[in-house]
C-alpha atoms as a PDB file:
ATOM      1  CA  UNK A   1       0.193   0.242   0.271  1.00  0.00           C
ATOM      2  CA  UNK A   2       0.996   3.555  -0.341  1.00  0.00           C
ATOM      3  CA  UNK A   3       0.485   6.597   1.103  1.00  0.00           C
ATOM      4  CA  UNK A   4      -3.092   7.041  -1.066  1.00  0.00           C
ATOM      5  CA  UNK A   5      -3.818   3.782  -0.163  1.00  0.00           C
ATOM      6  CA  UNK A   6      -3.937   4.856   3.222  1.00  0.00           C
ATOM      7  CA  UNK A   7      -6.163   7.722   2.407  1.00  0.00           C
ATOM      8  CA  UNK A   8      -8.587   6.521   0.686  1.00  0.00           C
ATOM      9  CA  UNK A   9      -8.871   3.717   3.756  1.00  0.00           C
ATOM     10  CA  UNK A  10      -8.688   5.986   5.738  1.00  0.00           C
ATOM     11  CA  UNK A  11     -11.046   8.383   4.901  1.00  0.00           C
ATOM     12  CA  UNK A  12     -13.590   5.315   3.681  1.00  0.00           C
ATOM     13  CA  UNK A  13     -13.784   4.385   7.551  1.00  0.00           C
ATOM     14  CA  UNK A  14     -14.586   7.336   8.535  1.00  0.00           C
ATOM     15  CA  UNK A  15     -16.673   9.650   5.985  1.00  0.00           C
ATOM     16  CA  UNK A  16     -19.470  10.023   8.253  1.00  0.00           C
ATOM     17  CA  UNK A  17     -17.253  12.574  10.673  1.00  0.00           C
ATOM     18  CA  UNK A  18     -16.940  14.064   6.801  1.00  0.00           C
ATOM     19  CA  UNK A  19     -21.152  14.611   6.968  1.00  0.00           C
ATOM     20  CA  UNK A  20     -24.209  16.179   8.951  1.00  0.00           C
ATOM     21  CA  UNK A  21     -25.592  13.512  10.991  1.00  0.00           C
ATOM     22  CA  UNK A  22     -29.449  15.504  10.499  1.00  0.00           C
ATOM     23  CA  UNK A  23     -29.572  16.512   6.961  1.00  0.00           C
ATOM     24  CA  UNK A  24     -26.257  13.562   5.426  1.00  0.00           C
ATOM     25  CA  UNK A  25     -24.652  16.874   3.440  1.00  0.00           C
ATOM     26  CA  UNK A  26     -20.709  17.309   3.057  1.00  0.00           C
ATOM     27  CA  UNK A  27     -19.725  18.608   6.400  1.00  0.00           C
ATOM     28  CA  UNK A  28     -16.992  21.600   4.647  1.00  0.00           C
ATOM     29  CA  UNK A  29     -13.749  22.733   6.812  1.00  0.00           C
ATOM     30  CA  UNK A  30     -11.609  24.938   5.699  1.00  0.00           C
ATOM     31  CA  UNK A  31      -7.936  24.593   6.186  1.00  0.00           C
ATOM     32  CA  UNK A  32      -6.907  26.550   9.046  1.00  0.00           C
ATOM     33  CA  UNK A  33      -9.320  24.140  11.136  1.00  0.00           C
ATOM     34  CA  UNK A  34      -8.055  21.316   9.685  1.00  0.00           C
ATOM     35  CA  UNK A  35      -3.620  22.440  10.415  1.00  0.00           C
ATOM     36  CA  UNK A  36      -5.842  22.902  13.839  1.00  0.00           C
ATOM     37  CA  UNK A  37      -7.113  19.728  14.241  1.00  0.00           C
ATOM     38  CA  UNK A  38      -3.627  17.651  13.087  1.00  0.00           C
ATOM     39  CA  UNK A  39      -1.850  20.324  15.608  1.00  0.00           C
ATOM     40  CA  UNK A  40      -4.325  19.480  19.062  1.00  0.00           C
ATOM     41  CA  UNK A  41      -3.683  15.550  17.597  1.00  0.00           C
ATOM     42  CA  UNK A  42      -0.111  15.943  18.605  1.00  0.00           C
ATOM     43  CA  UNK A  43      -0.184  18.439  21.723  1.00  0.00           C
ATOM     44  CA  UNK A  44      -2.604  15.427  23.154  1.00  0.00           C
ATOM     45  CA  UNK A  45       0.756  12.840  21.613  1.00  0.00           C
ATOM     46  CA  UNK A  46       3.095  15.635  23.249  1.00  0.00           C
ATOM     47  CA  UNK A  47       1.381  15.646  26.598  1.00  0.00           C
ATOM     48  CA  UNK A  48       0.309  11.762  27.000  1.00  0.00           C
ATOM     49  CA  UNK A  49       4.087  11.428  25.975  1.00  0.00           C
ATOM     50  CA  UNK A  50       5.911  13.740  28.957  1.00  0.00           C
ATOM     51  CA  UNK A  51       2.880  11.709  31.680  1.00  0.00           C
ATOM     52  CA  UNK A  52       4.208   8.087  30.482  1.00  0.00           C
ATOM     53  CA  UNK A  53       0.056   8.069  29.469  1.00  0.00           C
ATOM     54  CA  UNK A  54      -1.760   5.372  28.563  1.00  0.00           C
ATOM     55  CA  UNK A  55      -4.386   6.211  26.564  1.00  0.00           C
ATOM     56  CA  UNK A  56      -8.110   6.133  27.812  1.00  0.00           C
ATOM     57  CA  UNK A  57      -9.977   4.097  24.870  1.00  0.00           C
ATOM     58  CA  UNK A  58      -7.345   2.157  24.079  1.00  0.00           C
ATOM     59  CA  UNK A  59      -6.119   1.346  27.293  1.00  0.00           C
ATOM     60  CA  UNK A  60      -3.186  -0.859  25.815  1.00  0.00           C
ATOM     61  CA  UNK A  61      -2.123   1.163  24.265  1.00  0.00           C
ATOM     62  CA  UNK A  62       0.311   4.588  25.000  1.00  0.00           C
ATOM     63  CA  UNK A  63      -1.212   8.077  24.256  1.00  0.00           C
ATOM     64  CA  UNK A  64       1.592   9.149  22.121  1.00  0.00           C
ATOM     65  CA  UNK A  65       1.344   6.610  19.848  1.00  0.00           C
ATOM     66  CA  UNK A  66      -2.306   7.076  19.490  1.00  0.00           C
ATOM     67  CA  UNK A  67      -2.281  10.518  18.819  1.00  0.00           C
ATOM     68  CA  UNK A  68       0.300   9.974  16.449  1.00  0.00           C
ATOM     69  CA  UNK A  69      -1.923   7.909  14.703  1.00  0.00           C
ATOM     70  CA  UNK A  70      -4.849  10.252  14.647  1.00  0.00           C
ATOM     71  CA  UNK A  71      -2.783  12.906  13.475  1.00  0.00           C
ATOM     72  CA  UNK A  72      -2.445  10.504  10.225  1.00  0.00           C
ATOM     73  CA  UNK A  73      -5.483  10.507   9.730  1.00  0.00           C
ATOM     74  CA  UNK A  74      -6.711  13.779   9.855  1.00  0.00           C
ATOM     75  CA  UNK A  75      -3.825  14.289   7.495  1.00  0.00           C
ATOM     76  CA  UNK A  76      -4.777  11.716   4.778  1.00  0.00           C
ATOM     77  CA  UNK A  77      -8.365  13.344   5.767  1.00  0.00           C
ATOM     78  CA  UNK A  78      -6.687  17.319   4.676  1.00  0.00           C
ATOM     79  CA  UNK A  79      -4.627  15.159   2.006  1.00  0.00           C
END
């Protein structure tokens, strides 16, 4: 798989986040909002690393690694 394949797979698995749950219409997000979402994932990764936290949703994983993957998903959505 290449990065385009990963981006397509991520989008397919998460496309509901791009739709209004009430209307089903696409949600338009601007570039700045998407970059801010990437930034927040990186900040959460840094906090998890500094505090040596385990993830709250995937308790068998470290928070920093989960947040880095979340950032990749955001980047794939943006790209």
